[in-house]
Amino acid sequence: MAERTQELLGKRQKRKPMISTFHSYCVKVLRQEIEALGYPKQFTIYDRGDQESAARKALRDVRIPDSSMKPGDLLNVISRWKMHSIAS
């Protein structure tokens, strides 16, 4: 993507434009501004595997059997809660 942009702009640019994915850009902004939101500078972003591991542990901690709810099901419930701004 950066190469294609450079070709379109040509060499007349003094600085290279910042090129990144949406998620990469958002992480960069968060890393720069997170303390203004009251969070520590160092934080971890969970990928799907990390989320499922945390959900699996939470289900075990509250003794929900695997046959009743799978980690992905819990993540879907949490996602719906977030979409509807439901907080506990």
Protein backbone atom coordinates (compact mmCIF):
# COMPACT_ATOMS: atom_id res chain seq x y z
CA MET A 1 0.00 0.00 0.00
CA ALA A 2 2.84 2.37 0.85
CA GLU A 3 4.56 1.67 -2.46
CA ARG A 4 1.37 2.31 -4.44
CA THR A 5 0.80 5.57 -2.59
CA GLN A 6 4.38 6.66 -3.26
CA GLU A 7 3.90 5.91 -6.96
CA LEU A 8 0.70 7.97 -7.05
CA LEU A 9 2.25 10.92 -5.21
CA GLY A 10 5.58 10.77 -6.99
CA LYS A 11 8.83 11.96 -5.49
CA ARG A 12 7.67 15.55 -5.01
CA GLN A 13 6.64 14.90 -1.39
CA LYS A 14 9.13 16.05 1.25
CA ARG A 15 7.80 13.56 3.79
CA LYS A 16 6.35 10.14 3.30
CA PRO A 17 2.67 9.95 4.18
CA MET A 18 1.74 7.76 7.13
CA ILE A 19 0.28 4.55 5.75
CA SER A 20 -1.21 1.91 8.02
CA THR A 21 -4.22 -0.26 8.58
CA PHE A 22 -7.11 1.16 10.56
CA HIS A 23 -6.31 -1.09 13.53
CA SER A 24 -2.61 -0.28 13.46
CA TYR A 25 -3.37 3.46 13.39
CA CYS A 26 -5.81 3.15 16.31
CA VAL A 27 -3.26 1.25 18.40
CA LYS A 28 -0.71 3.97 17.69
CA VAL A 29 -3.13 6.69 18.81
CA LEU A 30 -4.06 4.70 21.93
CA ARG A 31 -0.42 4.16 22.85
CA GLN A 32 0.19 7.92 22.58
CA GLU A 33 -2.98 9.09 24.34
CA ILE A 34 -4.03 6.28 26.70
CA GLU A 35 -2.85 8.04 29.87
CA ALA A 36 -5.22 10.94 29.12
CA LEU A 37 -8.04 8.40 29.51
CA GLY A 38 -6.69 7.30 32.90
CA TYR A 39 -5.18 3.99 31.75
CA PRO A 40 -1.54 2.89 32.06
CA LYS A 41 0.76 3.43 29.10
CA GLN A 42 1.48 -0.29 28.76
CA PHE A 43 -1.55 -2.35 27.79
CA THR A 44 -2.29 -5.52 25.90
CA ILE A 45 -4.77 -6.00 23.09
CA TYR A 46 -6.25 -9.48 23.06
CA ASP A 47 -6.65 -11.34 19.79
CA ARG A 48 -9.44 -13.88 19.35
CA GLY A 49 -7.37 -16.70 20.87
CA ASP A 50 -6.56 -14.60 23.95
CA GLN A 51 -10.23 -13.68 24.30
CA GLU A 52 -11.33 -17.30 24.11
CA SER A 53 -8.74 -18.32 26.71
CA ALA A 54 -9.97 -15.60 29.08
CA ALA A 55 -13.59 -16.60 28.46
CA ARG A 56 -12.76 -20.27 29.06
CA LYS A 57 -11.10 -19.36 32.39
CA ALA A 58 -14.07 -17.18 33.40
CA LEU A 59 -16.51 -19.99 32.64
CA ARG A 60 -14.40 -22.42 34.68
CA ASP A 61 -14.16 -19.92 37.57
CA VAL A 62 -17.95 -19.67 37.81
CA ARG A 63 -18.30 -23.43 37.22
CA ILE A 64 -20.26 -23.30 33.97
CA PRO A 65 -19.93 -26.71 32.28
CA ASP A 66 -18.50 -26.82 28.74
CA SER A 67 -21.73 -28.42 27.58
CA SER A 68 -23.75 -25.37 28.72
CA MET A 69 -21.71 -22.55 27.19
CA LYS A 70 -18.62 -22.48 25.04
CA PRO A 71 -16.09 -19.62 25.25
CA GLY A 72 -17.18 -18.32 21.82
CA ASP A 73 -20.79 -18.18 23.04
CA LEU A 74 -19.73 -16.05 26.02
CA LEU A 75 -17.77 -13.74 23.72
CA ASN A 76 -20.86 -13.32 21.53
CA VAL A 77 -22.97 -12.43 24.58
CA ILE A 78 -20.39 -9.87 25.69
CA SER A 79 -20.27 -8.46 22.17
CA ARG A 80 -24.06 -7.98 22.19
CA TRP A 81 -23.84 -6.29 25.58
CA LYS A 82 -21.21 -3.91 24.20
CA MET A 83 -23.31 -3.13 21.11
CA HIS A 84 -26.24 -2.23 23.38
CA SER A 85 -24.03 -0.33 25.89
CA ILE A 86 -24.96 -2.70 28.70
CA ALA A 87 -22.57 -2.47 31.63
CA SER A 88 -22.59 -4.19 34.95
